[in-house]
N, C-alpha and C. Protein backbone atom coordinates (compact mmCIF):
# COMPACT_ATOMS: atom_id res chain seq x y z
N MET A 1 177.48 111.18 -40.19
CA MET A 1 176.88 111.32 -38.88
C MET A 1 175.39 110.96 -38.97
N ILE A 2 174.91 110.25 -37.97
CA ILE A 2 173.52 109.83 -37.95
C ILE A 2 172.69 110.85 -37.17
N ASP A 3 171.60 111.30 -37.78
CA ASP A 3 170.68 112.21 -37.10
C ASP A 3 169.66 111.35 -36.35
N ILE A 4 169.91 111.13 -35.06
CA ILE A 4 169.05 110.23 -34.29
C ILE A 4 167.64 110.77 -34.10
N GLU A 5 167.45 112.05 -34.29
CA GLU A 5 166.12 112.64 -34.17
C GLU A 5 165.18 112.14 -35.26
N ARG A 6 165.75 111.68 -36.36
CA ARG A 6 164.93 111.22 -37.49
C ARG A 6 164.68 109.71 -37.46
N LEU A 7 165.29 108.99 -36.53
CA LEU A 7 165.14 107.54 -36.48
C LEU A 7 163.85 107.14 -35.77
N SER A 8 163.27 106.06 -36.25
CA SER A 8 162.09 105.50 -35.59
C SER A 8 162.53 104.76 -34.32
N GLU A 9 161.56 104.38 -33.51
CA GLU A 9 161.88 103.64 -32.30
C GLU A 9 162.60 102.33 -32.64
N ALA A 10 162.12 101.63 -33.64
CA ALA A 10 162.75 100.37 -34.04
C ALA A 10 164.19 100.59 -34.52
N GLU A 11 164.41 101.66 -35.26
CA GLU A 11 165.76 101.97 -35.73
C GLU A 11 166.68 102.33 -34.58
N LEU A 12 166.16 103.08 -33.61
CA LEU A 12 166.96 103.43 -32.44
C LEU A 12 167.35 102.19 -31.64
N ILE A 13 166.39 101.28 -31.48
CA ILE A 13 166.67 100.04 -30.76
C ILE A 13 167.72 99.22 -31.50
N ALA A 14 167.59 99.12 -32.82
CA ALA A 14 168.56 98.37 -33.62
C ALA A 14 169.95 99.01 -33.52
N LEU A 15 170.00 100.33 -33.57
CA LEU A 15 171.28 101.03 -33.44
C LEU A 15 171.89 100.80 -32.07
N HIS A 16 171.08 100.89 -31.05
CA HIS A 16 171.53 100.64 -29.68
C HIS A 16 172.11 99.24 -29.56
N ASN A 17 171.38 98.25 -30.08
CA ASN A 17 171.85 96.87 -29.99
C ASN A 17 173.17 96.67 -30.72
N ARG A 18 173.32 97.31 -31.87
CA ARG A 18 174.57 97.19 -32.63
C ARG A 18 175.72 97.83 -31.87
N ILE A 19 175.47 98.98 -31.24
CA ILE A 19 176.51 99.65 -30.45
C ILE A 19 176.93 98.76 -29.28
N VAL A 20 175.97 98.18 -28.59
CA VAL A 20 176.27 97.30 -27.46
C VAL A 20 177.08 96.09 -27.94
N ASP A 21 176.68 95.49 -29.05
CA ASP A 21 177.43 94.35 -29.60
C ASP A 21 178.86 94.74 -29.92
N ARG A 22 179.03 95.90 -30.54
CA ARG A 22 180.38 96.35 -30.92
C ARG A 22 181.24 96.61 -29.69
N LEU A 23 180.66 97.21 -28.67
CA LEU A 23 181.40 97.45 -27.44
C LEU A 23 181.84 96.13 -26.80
N ARG A 24 180.97 95.14 -26.81
CA ARG A 24 181.33 93.82 -26.28
C ARG A 24 182.47 93.20 -27.07
N GLU A 25 182.42 93.34 -28.40
CA GLU A 25 183.50 92.82 -29.25
C GLU A 25 184.83 93.48 -28.89
N LEU A 26 184.81 94.79 -28.74
CA LEU A 26 186.03 95.52 -28.41
C LEU A 26 186.56 95.13 -27.04
N GLN A 27 185.66 94.98 -26.07
CA GLN A 27 186.08 94.57 -24.73
C GLN A 27 186.68 93.17 -24.76
N GLN A 28 186.09 92.27 -25.52
CA GLN A 28 186.62 90.91 -25.63
C GLN A 28 188.00 90.91 -26.26
N GLN A 29 188.20 91.75 -27.28
CA GLN A 29 189.51 91.87 -27.92
C GLN A 29 190.54 92.35 -26.91
N ARG A 30 190.18 93.33 -26.09
CA ARG A 30 191.12 93.85 -25.09
C ARG A 30 191.47 92.78 -24.06
N VAL A 31 190.48 91.99 -23.66
CA VAL A 31 190.73 90.91 -22.70
C VAL A 31 191.68 89.89 -23.32
N GLN A 32 191.43 89.50 -24.57
CA GLN A 32 192.28 88.51 -25.23
C GLN A 32 193.70 89.03 -25.42
N GLN A 33 193.84 90.29 -25.77
CA GLN A 33 195.17 90.88 -25.94
C GLN A 33 195.89 90.93 -24.60
N GLY A 34 195.17 91.25 -23.56
CA GLY A 34 195.77 91.29 -22.23
C GLY A 34 196.21 89.92 -21.78
N MET A 35 195.42 88.88 -22.07
CA MET A 35 195.78 87.52 -21.69
C MET A 35 197.01 87.07 -22.47
N THR A 36 197.11 87.45 -23.72
CA THR A 36 198.25 87.07 -24.55
C THR A 36 199.52 87.72 -24.02
N GLN A 37 199.43 88.97 -23.61
CA GLN A 37 200.60 89.68 -23.12
C GLN A 37 201.04 89.17 -21.75
N VAL A 38 200.11 88.78 -20.92
CA VAL A 38 200.42 88.38 -19.55
C VAL A 38 200.68 86.88 -19.46
N SER A 39 200.10 86.11 -20.33
CA SER A 39 200.11 84.65 -20.22
C SER A 39 201.50 84.03 -20.05
N PRO A 40 202.50 84.34 -20.88
CA PRO A 40 203.80 83.69 -20.71
C PRO A 40 204.42 83.97 -19.33
N TRP A 41 204.28 85.17 -18.85
CA TRP A 41 204.83 85.52 -17.53
C TRP A 41 204.12 84.75 -16.44
N ARG A 42 202.81 84.68 -16.51
CA ARG A 42 202.04 83.99 -15.48
C ARG A 42 202.31 82.50 -15.50
N CYS A 43 202.46 81.91 -16.68
CA CYS A 43 202.73 80.47 -16.75
C CYS A 43 204.07 80.17 -16.08
N GLY A 44 205.07 81.00 -16.33
CA GLY A 44 206.37 80.80 -15.69
C GLY A 44 206.27 80.93 -14.19
N GLU A 45 205.48 81.87 -13.74
CA GLU A 45 205.31 82.07 -12.31
C GLU A 45 204.63 80.86 -11.68
N LEU A 46 203.66 80.29 -12.36
CA LEU A 46 202.93 79.15 -11.80
C LEU A 46 203.81 77.91 -11.70
N HIS A 47 204.82 77.81 -12.54
CA HIS A 47 205.68 76.63 -12.56
C HIS A 47 207.02 76.89 -11.86
N ASP A 48 207.06 77.82 -10.98
CA ASP A 48 208.28 78.14 -10.25
C ASP A 48 208.61 76.97 -9.32
N GLU A 49 209.79 76.35 -9.49
CA GLU A 49 210.16 75.17 -8.72
C GLU A 49 210.49 75.49 -7.27
N ARG A 50 210.68 76.74 -6.93
CA ARG A 50 211.02 77.09 -5.56
C ARG A 50 209.85 76.94 -4.62
N ARG A 51 208.68 76.75 -5.13
CA ARG A 51 207.49 76.65 -4.27
C ARG A 51 207.32 75.26 -3.73
């Protein structure tokens, strides 16, 4: 566990930036996983000959 009370301003900023970067990575992974799961169904729907 990190004791944030002992961190300098620069260390807090660096930690904040790393947390934000990691959250973006995780969100991007979720988006990509969602696209992979939905993609085959949506492609079939887009090519429906009844339209």
